[in-house]
Amino acid sequence: MARPRPDHPAPDAIRALIDDQGRLALRVTPGARTEAVELGDGRLVVKVRAKAEDGKANAAVLALVADALGLATSRLQMLRGATGRDKLIAVEL
């Protein structure tokens, strides 16, 4: 049975969190039961099923955020937080 596609907030609501330098703050939960993108307190809360090993969770986070924004994954770049739960990514709009 296929996993259901996660519901995302509206892309415009996510874009409102991007600062004037094109950066987006994230709070990530790796190894979550379900994948989700939610609006948090001034940042995006991202839950991914992938475990935090060998960069698998980071790749899943970038793919999920890109899908929520309607962009290609190549338009996102991890700036800070590759080994932590709080991350900062650059978004090329």
Protein backbone atom coordinates (compact mmCIF):
# COMPACT_ATOMS: atom_id res chain seq x y z
CA MET A 1 0.00 0.00 0.00
CA ALA A 2 1.40 3.39 -0.96
CA ARG A 3 1.95 6.03 1.68
CA PRO A 4 -0.41 8.99 1.40
CA ARG A 5 1.09 12.21 0.11
CA PRO A 6 1.63 14.64 2.99
CA ASP A 7 -0.44 17.80 3.16
CA HIS A 8 1.60 20.97 2.93
CA PRO A 9 0.83 24.56 3.85
CA ALA A 10 0.28 26.90 0.92
CA PRO A 11 3.53 27.78 -0.88
CA ASP A 12 2.83 31.49 -0.34
CA ALA A 13 2.60 30.91 3.42
CA ILE A 14 5.99 29.17 3.37
CA ARG A 15 7.49 31.91 1.19
CA ALA A 16 6.37 34.47 3.79
CA LEU A 17 8.84 32.86 6.23
CA ILE A 18 11.80 33.39 3.87
CA ASP A 19 13.89 36.40 4.88
CA ASP A 20 15.17 39.12 2.53
CA GLN A 21 18.40 37.16 1.93
CA GLY A 22 16.51 34.06 0.75
CA ARG A 23 17.02 32.03 3.93
CA LEU A 24 14.43 29.78 5.56
CA ALA A 25 14.71 28.49 9.14
CA LEU A 26 13.63 24.92 9.83
CA ARG A 27 13.05 22.71 12.85
CA VAL A 28 13.39 19.06 11.79
CA THR A 29 12.21 15.82 13.35
CA PRO A 30 13.97 12.84 11.73
CA GLY A 31 12.58 9.34 12.15
CA ALA A 32 9.01 10.59 12.49
CA ARG A 33 6.04 8.29 12.01
CA THR A 34 4.64 10.46 9.20
CA GLU A 35 6.10 13.07 6.89
CA ALA A 36 4.74 16.57 7.36
CA VAL A 37 5.48 20.24 6.76
CA GLU A 38 3.90 22.67 9.21
CA LEU A 39 4.16 26.36 9.95
CA GLY A 40 5.83 26.98 13.30
CA ASP A 41 6.77 30.02 15.32
CA GLY A 42 8.65 31.99 12.65
CA ARG A 43 10.04 28.84 11.07
CA LEU A 44 8.99 25.77 9.17
CA VAL A 45 8.56 22.52 11.11
CA VAL A 46 9.49 19.50 8.98
CA LYS A 47 8.99 15.85 9.96
CA VAL A 48 10.60 13.14 7.85
CA ARG A 49 10.56 9.35 8.10
CA ALA A 50 14.25 9.01 7.18
CA LYS A 51 16.69 8.36 10.01
CA ALA A 52 19.46 10.85 10.75
CA GLU A 53 22.30 8.75 9.35
CA ASP A 54 24.60 9.39 6.40
CA GLY A 55 22.68 12.54 5.42
CA LYS A 56 19.50 10.63 4.55
CA ALA A 57 17.29 12.84 6.72
CA ASN A 58 18.84 16.03 5.29
CA ALA A 59 18.17 14.86 1.74
CA ALA A 60 14.59 13.96 2.70
CA VAL A 61 14.10 17.39 4.31
CA LEU A 62 15.30 19.24 1.21
CA ALA A 63 13.08 17.08 -1.03
CA LEU A 64 10.01 17.63 1.17
CA VAL A 65 10.52 21.40 1.44
CA ALA A 66 11.13 21.66 -2.31
CA ASP A 67 7.90 19.74 -2.94
CA ALA A 68 5.99 22.02 -0.56
CA LEU A 69 7.34 25.11 -2.34
CA GLY A 70 6.82 23.66 -5.82
CA LEU A 71 10.53 23.96 -6.62
CA ALA A 72 13.25 21.58 -7.73
CA THR A 73 15.46 20.24 -4.95
CA SER A 74 18.46 21.78 -6.72
CA ARG A 75 17.05 25.25 -5.90
CA LEU A 76 17.62 24.62 -2.15
CA GLN A 77 20.93 24.54 -0.31
CA MET A 78 21.70 23.66 3.30
CA LEU A 79 23.55 26.59 4.89
CA ARG A 80 23.69 25.55 8.53
CA GLY A 81 22.61 22.70 10.77
CA ALA A 82 23.62 19.60 8.82
CA THR A 83 24.07 17.69 12.11
CA GLY A 84 21.38 19.35 14.22
CA ARG A 85 17.60 19.69 14.30
CA ASP A 86 17.64 23.45 13.69
CA LYS A 87 18.59 24.14 10.09
CA LEU A 88 18.94 27.13 7.81
CA ILE A 89 18.49 26.67 4.08
CA ALA A 90 18.93 29.02 1.13
CA VAL A 91 15.99 29.14 -1.26
CA GLU A 92 16.56 30.27 -4.85
CA LEU A 93 13.19 31.62 -6.00
